[in-house]
Amino acid sequence: MLKEVAERLKDNYPYGDPLYAGQMLKPPHDVARRAYEMALPINPNNHALDGGRASSAMEKEAVADLARMIGWDTHLGHLCGGGTMANLEALWIAGQLHPGKTILASTQAHYTHQRIAGVLRLPFEAIPCDRRGRMDVDALERRLGAGDVGTVVATLGTTATGAVDPLAAIVDLRRRYDFRIHADAAYGGYFLLSDNLEADTNTAFECIREAASAVIDPHKHGLQPYGCGCVLFRDPSVGRFYRHDSPYTYFTSDEMHLGEIALECSRPGAAAVALWATQRLFPLERGGEFAKGLAAGRAAALDLHARLRRDGRFVTGTSPELDILVWAPHVKSVSEASNLSRRIFAEAAQRQLHLAIATLPVHLIDVGDMTRDCDTIVCLRSVLMKPEHREWTDRIWAILDAATTAAGVTR
C-alpha cells in the first residue's frame, strides 16, 4: 500500500526545487517536519487542555511570539487551518461588533473576503486599486463618506502581485471615520522582519499594530507544513463573543482552553508543536537568519524584475513590493500577449522552470504602446519565496530566455 502511495505522489511538480517558482509553496523546515512527526504518535487535539496539554501551552507561546512581532504585548489569538479560517474568525468578530455594516476590501484582495461576507450575511464592497495593485485611498475615503462601513480589510501582500495596501493612510482615515481595520497579512506578515523593503511598504507593515485584528499564515513564509494559519486580536475582550460551555471537554483545568476562543473545535496540536520548535530555532527578529531568508526572496524578485525591464521582449508590473512579480510579452496587442504568456508558460515547464499565470486588469501592467483590445491581460507570475532563489536567478533567467524564444517572441 505504501509503495502505491509513493507511486501516486510522483504525480506532482517539484515544489521544493528552486526552479519551481509558481504557486506559493515553500518546503517546511526539517525542524518543523520532525517536530510535527514527534507529536503525531500522541495525536494531540488543541481544542481542550485535556486533549493536548503540552501542545496547547506551546501554541499559546508560539502565537504570543507572532503577536509580539506585530507589536502587541496583549492579544487574543490561536492557530487555525489557514488564512481562510483565520479571516473568517476576524470578520465574524467584526460583524459582532458592527452588525449589518459593510465590509470593504480592495479589488485585488483575496476572493475569500467576499465569500466570507456572504457566509456571515454581511454586505461586501470592493474598492478600486491604483496601478500598483494597492487599495485606492481616495476611492476608499469617498466610500467611507457614504457611511455604513463596519470594517476595512487592508491586504499586506496580495496573492496575485504581492501588493501592500497603504495601511498608514487607512489608519489616518480611521481618525475621521468610524470603522474597524483588519489586516490580512496571511501572505506578507513576516515581512515585518525584512530590512530591504521600500519605505512606504515598511511603514504599512509597522502599522499592523494599529489594526484591530490580523491574520498571518505560518504555512506560507513561516516554514510550516500546511495547514497552519493564525488569527490575532489586539483587544483580548473580544473573547466574550466566543464564550460557550462544554462540560465534557473543559473539565481538567481552570486555565483557558483554546477551544474557548476559536470557531474551530478539533485542531492539530502537532501544528503548534512544529511552529513552536521552528520559532525557537529561528527567532522572529530583524536581522536574524529567518529575516535574511525573506530579504533574499525579495532581492531575487527585484533582480528578475530588473532583467525583465531591460529586455525589450517584456512588459512588467511595477517594482515588486515583496517577492512576487508579474510580466507579459511585449507584442502588438494585449490579446496577443495573453496568448503568448500561456505559450511561454508551457515552454518554460518543458525546460523544468515552473511559473504561474495570472489574469490581471491591464492597468496593473505597463503595456506601453501595445493595443489595449482587452480589459485584462494574462501574465506570467513568479513567487520567489525560497531563500535559494536569490542564487538561482541566473539559471531562471536563462531558461526563461530560451522559453520566450521558443514561443516566438523576439526582441
Protein backbone atom coordinates (compact mmCIF):
# COMPACT_ATOMS: atom_id res chain seq x y z
CA MET A 1 0.00 0.00 0.00
CA LEU A 2 2.74 2.48 0.91
CA LYS A 3 4.54 1.63 -2.30
CA GLU A 4 1.38 2.56 -4.17
CA VAL A 5 1.24 5.83 -2.21
CA ALA A 6 4.81 6.59 -3.22
CA GLU A 7 3.95 5.93 -6.86
CA ARG A 8 0.89 8.16 -6.71
CA LEU A 9 2.87 11.00 -5.14
CA LYS A 10 5.18 11.08 -8.14
CA ASP A 11 2.36 12.91 -9.93
CA ASN A 12 3.45 16.30 -8.60
CA TYR A 13 5.56 19.25 -9.60
CA PRO A 14 8.97 19.60 -7.89
CA TYR A 15 7.69 22.10 -5.34
CA GLY A 16 10.87 22.16 -3.27
CA ASP A 17 13.17 22.81 -6.24
CA PRO A 18 14.45 26.36 -6.86
CA LEU A 19 13.18 26.07 -10.44
CA TYR A 20 9.67 25.81 -9.05
CA ALA A 21 8.60 29.44 -8.84
CA GLY A 22 4.88 29.19 -9.50
CA GLN A 23 2.43 28.82 -6.63
CA MET A 24 3.02 29.80 -3.01
CA LEU A 25 4.68 26.56 -1.98
CA LYS A 26 7.67 26.61 0.33
CA PRO A 27 9.08 23.41 1.84
CA PRO A 28 8.67 23.14 5.62
CA HIS A 29 11.92 23.31 7.53
CA ASP A 30 13.31 19.98 8.71
CA VAL A 31 12.82 21.04 12.32
CA ALA A 32 9.14 21.79 11.69
CA ARG A 33 8.67 18.48 9.92
CA ARG A 34 10.42 16.45 12.60
CA ALA A 35 8.66 18.23 15.46
CA TYR A 36 5.34 17.58 13.73
CA GLU A 37 6.25 13.91 13.32
CA MET A 38 7.26 13.69 17.01
CA ALA A 39 3.79 14.88 18.00
CA LEU A 40 1.90 12.62 15.59
CA PRO A 41 2.06 9.41 17.68
CA ILE A 42 0.44 11.38 20.53
CA ASN A 43 -2.03 12.99 18.07
CA PRO A 44 -2.89 15.89 20.40
CA ASN A 45 -6.05 17.92 19.86
CA ASN A 46 -5.64 21.56 20.86
CA HIS A 47 -9.33 22.11 21.45
CA ALA A 48 -9.24 21.33 25.16
CA LEU A 49 -6.28 21.15 27.53
CA ASP A 50 -7.23 17.57 28.35
CA GLY A 51 -6.62 16.68 24.69
CA GLY A 52 -3.34 18.49 24.24
CA ARG A 53 -1.65 19.72 27.39
CA ALA A 54 1.90 20.31 26.16
CA SER A 55 0.87 21.28 22.63
CA SER A 56 -1.68 23.82 23.89
CA ALA A 57 0.98 25.51 26.00
CA MET A 58 3.31 25.55 23.01
CA GLU A 59 0.58 27.04 20.83
CA LYS A 60 -0.01 29.88 23.29
CA GLU A 61 3.72 30.63 23.37
CA ALA A 62 4.12 30.48 19.59
CA VAL A 63 1.09 32.72 18.99
CA ALA A 64 2.39 35.18 21.58
CA ASP A 65 5.65 35.38 19.59
CA LEU A 66 3.66 36.31 16.47
CA ALA A 67 1.72 38.95 18.41
CA ARG A 68 4.97 40.45 19.72
CA MET A 69 6.31 40.54 16.17
CA ILE A 70 3.33 42.77 15.29
CA GLY A 71 3.92 44.89 18.37
CA TRP A 72 1.16 43.64 20.68
CA ASP A 73 2.08 42.83 24.27
CA THR A 74 -1.50 41.80 24.98
CA HIS A 75 -3.61 39.90 22.48
CA LEU A 76 -6.07 37.10 21.88
CA GLY A 77 -5.31 34.55 19.21
CA HIS A 78 -4.83 30.98 18.13
CA LEU A 79 -3.74 28.79 15.25
CA CYS A 80 -6.19 27.51 12.67
CA GLY A 81 -6.27 25.66 9.37
CA GLY A 82 -5.13 28.61 7.25
CA GLY A 83 -5.83 32.14 6.14
CA THR A 84 -9.42 31.48 5.09
CA MET A 85 -10.46 30.26 8.52
CA ALA A 86 -8.41 32.98 10.21
CA ASN A 87 -10.06 35.70 8.12
CA LEU A 88 -13.47 34.16 8.80
CA GLU A 89 -12.92 34.49 12.53
CA ALA A 90 -11.65 38.07 12.25
CA LEU A 91 -14.62 39.17 10.15
CA TRP A 92 -17.04 37.24 12.36
CA ILE A 93 -15.84 39.27 15.34
CA ALA A 94 -16.09 42.42 13.21
CA GLY A 95 -19.68 41.52 12.41
CA GLN A 96 -20.46 41.01 16.08
CA LEU A 97 -19.16 44.49 16.84
CA HIS A 98 -20.69 46.18 13.76
CA PRO A 99 -23.73 44.05 12.91
CA GLY A 100 -25.10 44.53 9.42
CA LYS A 101 -22.42 47.01 8.37
CA THR A 102 -20.44 46.75 5.14
CA ILE A 103 -17.04 45.10 4.79
CA LEU A 104 -14.67 46.81 2.35
CA ALA A 105 -11.61 45.27 0.69
CA SER A 106 -9.68 46.09 -2.46
CA THR A 107 -10.40 44.59 -5.86
CA GLN A 108 -7.06 42.76 -5.52
CA ALA A 109 -7.84 41.39 -2.06
CA HIS A 110 -8.23 37.63 -1.76
CA TYR A 111 -11.59 36.40 -3.05
CA THR A 112 -12.19 34.71 0.29
CA HIS A 113 -13.30 38.01 1.89
CA GLN A 114 -16.32 38.32 -0.36
CA ARG A 115 -17.17 34.67 0.24
CA ILE A 116 -16.81 35.09 3.98
CA ALA A 117 -19.04 38.16 3.97
CA GLY A 118 -21.64 36.04 2.18
CA VAL A 119 -21.36 33.29 4.79
CA LEU A 120 -21.73 35.89 7.57
CA ARG A 121 -24.54 37.64 5.69
CA LEU A 122 -22.71 40.94 5.79
CA PRO A 123 -22.67 43.41 2.88
CA PHE A 124 -19.39 43.48 0.94
CA GLU A 125 -17.98 46.03 -1.50
CA ALA A 126 -14.68 46.14 -3.40
CA ILE A 127 -12.63 49.33 -3.54
CA PRO A 128 -10.64 50.05 -6.75
CA CYS A 129 -6.85 49.74 -6.81
CA ASP A 130 -4.17 52.05 -8.13
CA ARG A 131 -1.71 50.93 -10.79
CA ARG A 132 0.46 49.23 -8.16
CA GLY A 133 -2.41 46.99 -7.10
CA ARG A 134 -2.88 48.83 -3.80
CA MET A 135 -6.23 50.00 -2.45
CA ASP A 136 -7.01 53.49 -3.79
CA VAL A 137 -7.19 55.69 -0.70
CA ASP A 138 -9.23 58.43 -2.38
CA ALA A 139 -11.82 55.89 -3.52
CA LEU A 140 -11.86 54.42 -0.02
CA GLU A 141 -12.48 57.82 1.55
CA ARG A 142 -15.35 58.52 -0.81
CA ARG A 143 -16.97 55.24 0.18
CA LEU A 144 -16.37 55.86 3.88
CA GLY A 145 -18.04 59.24 3.48
CA ALA A 146 -21.20 57.50 2.30
CA GLY A 147 -21.41 55.74 5.69
CA ASP A 148 -22.48 52.33 6.99
CA VAL A 149 -18.98 50.79 6.83
CA GLY A 150 -18.05 48.44 9.65
CA THR A 151 -14.67 47.05 8.59
CA VAL A 152 -11.91 47.84 6.10
CA VAL A 153 -9.68 44.91 5.16
CA ALA A 154 -6.13 46.03 4.36
CA THR A 155 -4.19 43.40 2.42
CA LEU A 156 -0.48 43.26 3.17
CA GLY A 157 0.72 41.11 0.33
CA THR A 158 -1.92 40.33 -2.30
CA THR A 159 -1.66 36.81 -3.62
CA ALA A 160 -1.64 37.94 -7.26
CA THR A 161 1.12 40.57 -7.25
CA GLY A 162 2.31 40.94 -3.66
CA ALA A 163 0.94 44.48 -3.41
CA VAL A 164 0.73 46.04 0.05
CA ASP A 165 -2.23 48.30 0.81
CA PRO A 166 -1.32 51.76 2.24
CA LEU A 167 -2.18 50.91 5.83
CA ALA A 168 -0.77 54.15 7.25
CA ALA A 169 -3.22 56.16 5.16
CA ILE A 170 -6.07 53.82 6.16
CA VAL A 171 -5.18 54.31 9.83
CA ASP A 172 -5.29 58.07 9.23
CA LEU A 173 -8.79 57.76 7.74
CA ARG A 174 -9.94 55.91 10.84
CA ARG A 175 -9.31 59.10 12.81
CA ARG A 176 -12.06 60.75 10.76
CA TYR A 177 -14.44 57.84 10.19
CA ASP A 178 -15.72 55.12 12.49
CA PHE A 179 -14.64 51.70 11.21
CA ARG A 180 -12.61 48.69 12.24
CA ILE A 181 -9.34 47.74 10.50
CA HIS A 182 -8.50 44.12 9.75
CA ALA A 183 -5.01 43.41 8.38
CA ASP A 184 -4.94 40.41 6.08
CA ALA A 185 -1.22 39.71 6.24
CA ALA A 186 -1.66 36.00 5.53
CA TYR A 187 1.00 36.09 2.83
CA GLY A 188 3.13 39.07 3.72
CA GLY A 189 3.02 39.31 7.52
CA TYR A 190 6.51 38.01 8.19
CA PHE A 191 7.99 40.78 6.01
CA LEU A 192 7.70 42.93 9.12
CA LEU A 193 11.17 41.49 9.79
CA SER A 194 12.72 42.21 6.38
CA ASP A 195 15.25 45.01 6.08
CA ASN A 196 15.06 45.61 2.30
CA LEU A 197 11.52 46.90 1.76
CA GLU A 198 10.58 50.22 0.22
CA ALA A 199 9.98 52.91 2.84
CA ASP A 200 6.21 53.13 2.35
CA THR A 201 5.88 49.34 2.32
CA ASN A 202 7.83 49.12 5.54
CA THR A 203 5.59 51.79 7.09
CA ALA A 204 2.50 49.81 6.11
CA PHE A 205 3.80 46.73 7.91
CA GLU A 206 4.70 48.73 11.00
CA CYS A 207 1.09 49.96 11.09
CA ILE A 208 -0.30 46.44 11.54
CA ARG A 209 -0.10 47.15 15.26
CA GLU A 210 -2.81 49.80 14.71
CA ALA A 211 -5.26 47.24 13.31
CA ALA A 212 -7.92 45.61 15.44
CA SER A 213 -7.15 42.16 14.07
CA ALA A 214 -4.55 40.50 11.87
CA VAL A 215 -4.02 37.22 10.06
CA ILE A 216 -0.65 35.59 9.34
CA ASP A 217 -0.07 32.20 7.69
CA PRO A 218 2.95 30.35 9.10
CA HIS A 219 2.44 27.74 6.36
CA LYS A 220 3.47 30.29 3.76
CA HIS A 221 6.68 32.09 4.79
CA GLY A 222 6.83 30.60 8.28
CA LEU A 223 8.42 27.31 7.15
CA GLN A 224 5.45 25.22 8.34
CA PRO A 225 3.55 22.33 6.78
CA TYR A 226 0.04 23.08 5.53
CA GLY A 227 -2.24 23.95 7.25
CA CYS A 228 -1.13 26.43 9.83
CA GLY A 229 -2.75 29.86 9.94
CA CYS A 230 -3.07 32.31 12.80
CA VAL A 231 -5.68 34.91 13.76
CA LEU A 232 -4.82 37.64 16.25
CA PHE A 233 -6.91 40.29 18.00
CA ARG A 234 -5.42 43.35 19.69
CA ASP A 235 -8.21 43.52 22.28
CA PRO A 236 -8.49 40.30 24.32
CA SER A 237 -12.01 41.24 25.43
CA VAL A 238 -13.40 40.08 22.07
CA GLY A 239 -13.10 36.62 23.56
CA ARG A 240 -16.54 37.26 25.08
CA PHE A 241 -18.12 36.57 21.70
CA TYR A 242 -16.68 33.05 21.66
CA ARG A 243 -17.87 32.21 25.16
CA HIS A 244 -19.61 28.86 25.49
CA ASP A 245 -19.65 25.89 27.82
CA SER A 246 -18.52 22.36 27.06
CA PRO A 247 -18.51 20.46 30.36
CA TYR A 248 -17.50 17.19 28.72
CA THR A 249 -14.26 18.70 27.35
CA TYR A 250 -13.36 21.66 29.59
CA PHE A 251 -13.03 19.77 32.84
CA THR A 252 -9.37 19.33 33.70
CA SER A 253 -8.26 22.90 34.27
CA ASP A 254 -9.47 26.39 35.12
CA GLU A 255 -6.96 27.76 32.62
CA MET A 256 -8.21 28.97 29.24
CA HIS A 257 -8.82 26.15 26.79
CA LEU A 258 -8.01 27.18 23.22
CA GLY A 259 -11.38 25.89 22.10
CA GLU A 260 -12.95 28.68 24.16
CA ILE A 261 -11.52 31.31 21.76
CA ALA A 262 -11.91 29.53 18.42
CA LEU A 263 -14.71 28.76 15.99
CA GLU A 264 -12.91 25.57 15.02
CA CYS A 265 -13.18 22.76 17.53
CA SER A 266 -10.67 19.97 16.92
CA ARG A 267 -7.33 21.31 15.75
CA PRO A 268 -3.98 19.50 15.30
CA GLY A 269 -1.67 20.05 18.24
CA ALA A 270 1.16 18.81 16.03
CA ALA A 271 0.97 22.05 14.03
CA ALA A 272 1.55 24.05 17.19
CA VAL A 273 4.49 21.86 18.19
CA ALA A 274 6.09 22.36 14.76
CA LEU A 275 5.64 26.14 14.84
CA TRP A 276 6.94 26.41 18.40
CA ALA A 277 10.08 24.43 17.52
CA THR A 278 10.74 26.46 14.36
CA GLN A 279 10.40 29.78 16.16
CA ARG A 280 12.84 28.60 18.81
CA LEU A 281 15.35 27.78 16.09
CA PHE A 282 14.62 30.97 14.12
CA PRO A 283 13.51 33.76 16.48
CA LEU A 284 11.21 36.36 14.92
CA GLU A 285 13.66 39.24 14.94
CA ARG A 286 15.03 41.71 12.43
CA GLY A 287 18.49 40.78 11.23
CA GLY A 288 18.08 37.13 12.18
CA GLU A 289 18.51 34.13 9.92
CA PHE A 290 14.79 33.86 9.28
CA ALA A 291 14.54 37.54 8.31
CA LYS A 292 17.52 37.15 5.96
CA GLY A 293 15.64 34.45 4.08
CA LEU A 294 12.73 36.82 3.47
CA ALA A 295 15.09 39.55 2.26
CA ALA A 296 16.77 37.08 -0.11
CA GLY A 297 13.45 36.26 -1.75
CA ARG A 298 12.67 39.92 -2.32
CA ALA A 299 16.19 40.52 -3.67
CA ALA A 300 15.64 37.70 -6.18
CA ALA A 301 12.35 39.27 -7.30
CA LEU A 302 13.99 42.69 -7.72
CA ASP A 303 16.82 41.12 -9.73
CA LEU A 304 14.48 39.27 -12.08
CA HIS A 305 12.24 42.32 -12.45
CA ALA A 306 15.24 44.48 -13.43
CA ARG A 307 16.25 41.95 -16.10
CA LEU A 308 12.73 41.90 -17.49
CA ARG A 309 12.60 45.70 -17.62
CA ARG A 310 15.87 45.85 -19.56
CA ASP A 311 14.73 43.28 -22.11
CA GLY A 312 12.56 44.69 -24.91
CA ARG A 313 10.59 41.44 -25.20
CA PHE A 314 8.69 42.07 -21.98
CA VAL A 315 6.36 44.46 -20.20
CA THR A 316 6.08 44.31 -16.43
CA GLY A 317 4.15 45.42 -13.41
CA THR A 318 5.67 47.93 -11.04
CA SER A 319 8.68 47.02 -8.91
CA PRO A 320 7.88 44.11 -6.55
CA GLU A 321 6.99 45.13 -3.02
CA LEU A 322 7.63 41.63 -1.69
CA ASP A 323 8.81 38.50 -3.57
CA ILE A 324 6.12 38.22 -6.27
CA LEU A 325 6.43 39.68 -9.77
CA VAL A 326 4.33 39.66 -12.93
CA TRP A 327 5.17 40.26 -16.58
CA ALA A 328 3.99 39.59 -20.13
CA PRO A 329 5.43 39.55 -23.66
CA HIS A 330 5.78 42.94 -25.37
CA VAL A 331 3.90 42.43 -28.64
CA LYS A 332 1.36 44.33 -30.72
CA SER A 333 -1.74 43.80 -28.63
CA VAL A 334 -2.88 42.77 -25.18
CA SER A 335 -4.79 39.77 -26.55
CA GLU A 336 -1.71 38.51 -28.39
CA ALA A 337 0.36 38.97 -25.24
CA SER A 338 -2.12 36.86 -23.30
CA ASN A 339 -1.85 34.01 -25.80
CA LEU A 340 1.95 34.18 -25.78
CA SER A 341 2.09 34.22 -21.98
CA ARG A 342 0.39 30.83 -22.00
CA ARG A 343 2.84 29.58 -24.61
CA ILE A 344 5.89 30.78 -22.65
CA PHE A 345 4.43 29.15 -19.53
CA ALA A 346 4.27 25.80 -21.35
CA GLU A 347 7.73 26.17 -22.92
CA ALA A 348 9.27 27.02 -19.54
CA ALA A 349 7.64 23.98 -17.93
CA GLN A 350 9.13 21.74 -20.62
CA ARG A 351 12.52 23.10 -19.54
CA GLN A 352 11.73 22.39 -15.86
CA LEU A 353 11.08 26.04 -14.93
CA HIS A 354 7.64 26.10 -13.36
CA LEU A 355 5.95 29.50 -13.32
CA ALA A 356 2.33 30.55 -12.86
CA ILE A 357 -0.06 32.62 -14.93
CA ALA A 358 -2.44 35.28 -13.65
CA THR A 359 -5.19 37.26 -15.34
CA LEU A 360 -4.93 40.89 -14.23
CA PRO A 361 -6.50 44.25 -15.09
CA VAL A 362 -4.49 45.87 -17.87
CA HIS A 363 -3.75 48.96 -15.77
CA LEU A 364 -1.54 46.88 -13.46
CA ILE A 365 0.92 46.25 -16.30
CA ASP A 366 2.92 48.92 -18.11
CA VAL A 367 1.83 47.81 -21.58
CA GLY A 368 3.25 50.93 -23.27
CA ASP A 369 2.43 51.10 -26.98
CA MET A 370 0.51 47.81 -27.09
CA THR A 371 -3.06 47.94 -28.43
CA ARG A 372 -5.44 47.62 -25.49
CA ASP A 373 -8.00 45.36 -27.12
CA CYS A 374 -8.88 43.68 -23.80
CA ASP A 375 -9.56 44.92 -20.27
CA THR A 376 -7.47 42.12 -18.76
CA ILE A 377 -4.12 40.58 -19.63
CA VAL A 378 -2.81 37.09 -18.94
CA CYS A 379 0.59 37.49 -17.32
CA LEU A 380 3.37 35.23 -16.23
CA ARG A 381 3.76 35.27 -12.47
CA SER A 382 6.63 34.16 -10.27
CA VAL A 383 6.74 33.67 -6.50
CA LEU A 384 10.39 33.71 -5.41
CA MET A 385 9.77 32.77 -1.79
CA LYS A 386 12.60 30.29 -1.31
CA PRO A 387 15.81 31.89 0.01
CA GLU A 388 17.86 29.94 -2.55
CA HIS A 389 16.00 31.70 -5.37
CA ARG A 390 18.48 34.55 -4.93
CA GLU A 391 21.31 32.28 -6.07
CA TRP A 392 19.26 30.78 -8.90
CA THR A 393 18.20 33.93 -10.75
CA ASP A 394 20.84 33.40 -13.48
CA ARG A 395 19.54 29.90 -14.16
CA ILE A 396 15.89 31.03 -14.01
CA TRP A 397 16.64 33.85 -16.45
CA ALA A 398 18.48 31.57 -18.86
CA ILE A 399 15.53 29.15 -19.04
CA LEU A 400 13.01 31.98 -19.34
CA ASP A 401 15.06 33.45 -22.19
CA ALA A 402 15.07 30.11 -24.02
CA ALA A 403 11.35 29.54 -23.40
CA THR A 404 10.48 33.01 -24.66
CA THR A 405 12.50 32.49 -27.83
CA ALA A 406 10.87 29.09 -28.36
CA ALA A 407 7.45 30.72 -28.02
CA GLY A 408 8.28 33.03 -30.91
CA VAL A 409 8.81 36.30 -29.04
CA THR A 410 11.72 38.29 -30.46
CA ARG A 411 13.44 41.49 -29.42
